[in-house]
Amino acid sequence: QVQLVESGGGSVQAGGSLRLSCAASGYTRRRYCMAWFRQAPGKEREGVAGIDSDGSTSYADSVEGRFTISQENGKTTLFLQMNSLKPEDTAMYYCASTLCVRDPPKWWILMRGVYHYWGQGTQVTVSS
């Protein structure tokens, strides 16, 4: 059973930076895609950034150029470096994982419905 645990959320002023981490365990020797999602109060959960099993990355238009997704430790730790934060980035951020298709398109890797494993979330608050 895959387990995901996020950390690194907090409060920051607009223009600041935060780095989120997600520790993954329980992986078998299969290809996994991972992603970060976020959900603001009263809004749908949306895909922010994703990375496939070959390391290719995809980003939502709203964060392109400001956020960077990466992996370390044999792909068992996922990061989201968030720079130039805006008040509209305020949300609960979730780490997610799923078995990967080959060369997943952007619309697939950022789609909530394809992910089977989820963390509990970490809160990010950006003040103006």
C-alpha atoms as a PDB file:
ATOM      1  CA  GLN A   1       0.000   0.000   0.000  1.00  0.00           C
ATOM      2  CA  VAL A   2       1.473   3.345  -1.081  1.00  0.00           C
ATOM      3  CA  GLN A   3       1.566   5.993   1.633  1.00  0.00           C
ATOM      4  CA  LEU A   4       2.257   9.692   1.081  1.00  0.00           C
ATOM      5  CA  VAL A   5       3.125  12.244   3.763  1.00  0.00           C
ATOM      6  CA  GLU A   6       3.427  15.941   2.947  1.00  0.00           C
ATOM      7  CA  SER A   7       5.351  18.596   4.857  1.00  0.00           C
ATOM      8  CA  GLY A   8       6.661  22.124   4.391  1.00  0.00           C
ATOM      9  CA  GLY A   9       3.503  24.194   4.274  1.00  0.00           C
ATOM     10  CA  GLY A  10       3.154  27.453   6.146  1.00  0.00           C
ATOM     11  CA  SER A  11       2.404  31.140   5.921  1.00  0.00           C
ATOM     12  CA  VAL A  12       4.349  33.551   3.751  1.00  0.00           C
ATOM     13  CA  GLN A  13       3.937  37.021   2.307  1.00  0.00           C
ATOM     14  CA  ALA A  14       3.277  37.584  -1.367  1.00  0.00           C
ATOM     15  CA  GLY A  15       6.467  37.273  -3.386  1.00  0.00           C
ATOM     16  CA  GLY A  16       7.952  34.776  -0.965  1.00  0.00           C
ATOM     17  CA  SER A  17       8.891  31.121  -1.401  1.00  0.00           C
ATOM     18  CA  LEU A  18       8.059  27.761   0.143  1.00  0.00           C
ATOM     19  CA  ARG A  19       9.238  24.231  -0.533  1.00  0.00           C
ATOM     20  CA  LEU A  20       6.838  21.353  -0.042  1.00  0.00           C
ATOM     21  CA  SER A  21       8.010  17.770   0.449  1.00  0.00           C
ATOM     22  CA  CYS A  22       6.203  14.462   0.055  1.00  0.00           C
ATOM     23  CA  ALA A  23       7.672  11.250   1.450  1.00  0.00           C
ATOM     24  CA  ALA A  24       6.444   8.149  -0.368  1.00  0.00           C
ATOM     25  CA  SER A  25       6.595   4.558   0.843  1.00  0.00           C
ATOM     26  CA  GLY A  26       5.183   1.194  -0.185  1.00  0.00           C
ATOM     27  CA  TYR A  27       6.139   1.395  -3.864  1.00  0.00           C
ATOM     28  CA  THR A  28       6.603  -1.785  -5.846  1.00  0.00           C
ATOM     29  CA  ARG A  29       8.897  -2.036  -8.870  1.00  0.00           C
ATOM     30  CA  ARG A  30       6.492  -0.337 -11.227  1.00  0.00           C
ATOM     31  CA  ARG A  31       6.257   2.980 -13.006  1.00  0.00           C
ATOM     32  CA  TYR A  32       4.610   5.733 -10.989  1.00  0.00           C
ATOM     33  CA  CYS A  33       3.527   9.240 -11.837  1.00  0.00           C
ATOM     34  CA  MET A  34       3.359  11.793  -9.044  1.00  0.00           C
ATOM     35  CA  ALA A  35       1.760  15.186  -8.797  1.00  0.00           C
ATOM     36  CA  TRP A  36       0.838  18.090  -6.570  1.00  0.00           C
ATOM     37  CA  PHE A  37      -2.767  19.228  -6.343  1.00  0.00           C
ATOM     38  CA  ARG A  38      -4.319  22.077  -4.404  1.00  0.00           C
ATOM     39  CA  GLN A  39      -7.752  22.928  -3.136  1.00  0.00           C
ATOM     40  CA  ALA A  40      -8.875  26.340  -1.949  1.00  0.00           C
ATOM     41  CA  PRO A  41     -12.032  26.758   0.164  1.00  0.00           C
ATOM     42  CA  GLY A  42     -15.120  26.422  -1.992  1.00  0.00           C
ATOM     43  CA  LYS A  43     -13.166  25.374  -5.070  1.00  0.00           C
ATOM     44  CA  GLU A  44     -12.426  22.130  -6.883  1.00  0.00           C
ATOM     45  CA  ARG A  45      -9.145  20.333  -6.323  1.00  0.00           C
ATOM     46  CA  GLU A  46      -6.857  21.211  -9.221  1.00  0.00           C
ATOM     47  CA  GLY A  47      -3.625  19.807 -10.585  1.00  0.00           C
ATOM     48  CA  VAL A  48      -0.634  22.092 -10.086  1.00  0.00           C
ATOM     49  CA  ALA A  49       2.378  20.094 -11.268  1.00  0.00           C
ATOM     50  CA  GLY A  50       3.121  16.524 -12.266  1.00  0.00           C
ATOM     51  CA  ILE A  51       6.133  14.337 -13.031  1.00  0.00           C
ATOM     52  CA  ASP A  52       6.124  11.056 -14.902  1.00  0.00           C
ATOM     53  CA  SER A  53       8.306   7.993 -14.360  1.00  0.00           C
ATOM     54  CA  ASP A  54      10.898   9.292 -16.832  1.00  0.00           C
ATOM     55  CA  GLY A  55      11.164  12.660 -15.063  1.00  0.00           C
ATOM     56  CA  SER A  56       9.194  14.721 -17.561  1.00  0.00           C
ATOM     57  CA  THR A  57       7.239  17.520 -15.889  1.00  0.00           C
ATOM     58  CA  SER A  58       3.971  19.350 -16.550  1.00  0.00           C
ATOM     59  CA  TYR A  59       2.538  22.471 -14.942  1.00  0.00           C
ATOM     60  CA  ALA A  60      -0.753  24.263 -14.723  1.00  0.00           C
ATOM     61  CA  ASP A  61      -0.676  27.550 -16.618  1.00  0.00           C
ATOM     62  CA  SER A  62      -1.255  29.458 -13.385  1.00  0.00           C
ATOM     63  CA  VAL A  63       2.050  28.285 -11.869  1.00  0.00           C
ATOM     64  CA  GLU A  64       4.255  27.813 -14.954  1.00  0.00           C
ATOM     65  CA  GLY A  65       7.575  29.565 -14.405  1.00  0.00           C
ATOM     66  CA  ARG A  66       7.020  29.996 -10.655  1.00  0.00           C
ATOM     67  CA  PHE A  67       6.746  26.416  -9.360  1.00  0.00           C
ATOM     68  CA  THR A  68       9.156  23.515  -9.902  1.00  0.00           C
ATOM     69  CA  ILE A  69       8.383  19.850  -9.246  1.00  0.00           C
ATOM     70  CA  SER A  70      11.245  17.414  -8.651  1.00  0.00           C
ATOM     71  CA  GLN A  71      12.124  14.040  -7.153  1.00  0.00           C
ATOM     72  CA  GLU A  72      15.033  12.695  -5.108  1.00  0.00           C
ATOM     73  CA  ASN A  73      16.033   9.626  -3.123  1.00  0.00           C
ATOM     74  CA  GLY A  74      15.229   7.133  -5.850  1.00  0.00           C
ATOM     75  CA  LYS A  75      11.904   8.847  -6.514  1.00  0.00           C
ATOM     76  CA  THR A  76      10.660   8.294  -2.963  1.00  0.00           C
ATOM     77  CA  THR A  77      10.645  12.009  -2.131  1.00  0.00           C
ATOM     78  CA  LEU A  78       8.692  14.537  -4.166  1.00  0.00           C
ATOM     79  CA  PHE A  79       9.237  18.290  -3.901  1.00  0.00           C
ATOM     80  CA  LEU A  80       7.421  21.399  -4.998  1.00  0.00           C
ATOM     81  CA  GLN A  81       9.498  24.566  -4.966  1.00  0.00           C
ATOM     82  CA  MET A  82       7.134  27.526  -5.013  1.00  0.00           C
ATOM     83  CA  ASN A  83       8.531  30.976  -5.800  1.00  0.00           C
ATOM     84  CA  SER A  84       6.895  34.369  -6.349  1.00  0.00           C
ATOM     85  CA  LEU A  85       3.893  33.234  -4.364  1.00  0.00           C
ATOM     86  CA  LYS A  86       0.600  35.060  -4.769  1.00  0.00           C
ATOM     87  CA  PRO A  87      -2.436  35.276  -2.471  1.00  0.00           C
ATOM     88  CA  GLU A  88      -4.357  33.162  -4.995  1.00  0.00           C
ATOM     89  CA  ASP A  89      -1.901  30.312  -4.341  1.00  0.00           C
ATOM     90  CA  THR A  90      -3.426  29.946  -0.871  1.00  0.00           C
ATOM     91  CA  ALA A  91      -4.812  26.408  -0.569  1.00  0.00           C
ATOM     92  CA  MET A  92      -4.360  22.976   0.926  1.00  0.00           C
ATOM     93  CA  TYR A  93      -1.718  21.219  -1.130  1.00  0.00           C
ATOM     94  CA  TYR A  94      -1.857  17.470  -1.693  1.00  0.00           C
ATOM     95  CA  CYS A  95       0.684  14.976  -2.967  1.00  0.00           C
ATOM     96  CA  ALA A  96      -0.705  12.224  -5.208  1.00  0.00           C
ATOM     97  CA  SER A  97       0.609   9.125  -6.952  1.00  0.00           C
ATOM     98  CA  THR A  98      -0.622   6.580  -9.482  1.00  0.00           C
ATOM     99  CA  LEU A  99       0.628   3.918 -11.844  1.00  0.00           C
ATOM    100  CA  CYS A 100       1.937   5.760 -14.865  1.00  0.00           C
ATOM    101  CA  VAL A 101       1.035   5.396 -18.528  1.00  0.00           C
ATOM    102  CA  ARG A 102       3.851   5.786 -21.035  1.00  0.00           C
ATOM    103  CA  ASP A 103       4.486   9.436 -22.038  1.00  0.00           C
ATOM    104  CA  PRO A 104       1.419  10.831 -20.280  1.00  0.00           C
ATOM    105  CA  PRO A 105       0.050  14.059 -21.778  1.00  0.00           C
ATOM    106  CA  LYS A 106      -0.298  17.153 -19.605  1.00  0.00           C
ATOM    107  CA  TRP A 107      -4.086  16.854 -19.353  1.00  0.00           C
ATOM    108  CA  TRP A 108      -3.723  13.294 -17.995  1.00  0.00           C
ATOM    109  CA  ILE A 109      -0.983  13.879 -15.433  1.00  0.00           C
ATOM    110  CA  LEU A 110      -2.849  16.877 -13.954  1.00  0.00           C
ATOM    111  CA  MET A 111      -6.218  15.139 -13.809  1.00  0.00           C
ATOM    112  CA  ARG A 112      -7.457  14.320 -10.329  1.00  0.00           C
ATOM    113  CA  GLY A 113      -9.356  11.209 -11.365  1.00  0.00           C
ATOM    114  CA  VAL A 114      -6.291   9.175 -12.444  1.00  0.00           C
ATOM    115  CA  TYR A 115      -4.647   9.268  -9.013  1.00  0.00           C
ATOM    116  CA  HIS A 116      -5.211   6.425  -6.564  1.00  0.00           C
ATOM    117  CA  TYR A 117      -2.993   7.466  -3.680  1.00  0.00           C
ATOM    118  CA  TRP A 118      -3.224  10.729  -1.748  1.00  0.00           C
ATOM    119  CA  GLY A 119      -1.533  12.385   1.178  1.00  0.00           C
ATOM    120  CA  GLN A 120      -3.359  14.241   3.943  1.00  0.00           C
ATOM    121  CA  GLY A 121      -2.356  17.671   2.693  1.00  0.00           C
ATOM    122  CA  THR A 122      -0.345  20.628   3.933  1.00  0.00           C
ATOM    123  CA  GLN A 123      -1.690  24.182   4.184  1.00  0.00           C
ATOM    124  CA  VAL A 124      -0.116  27.069   2.274  1.00  0.00           C
ATOM    125  CA  THR A 125      -1.258  30.597   3.104  1.00  0.00           C
ATOM    126  CA  VAL A 126      -0.009  33.624   1.176  1.00  0.00           C
ATOM    127  CA  SER A 127      -0.820  37.062   2.525  1.00  0.00           C
ATOM    128  CA  SER A 128      -0.819  40.271   0.503  1.00  0.00           C
END
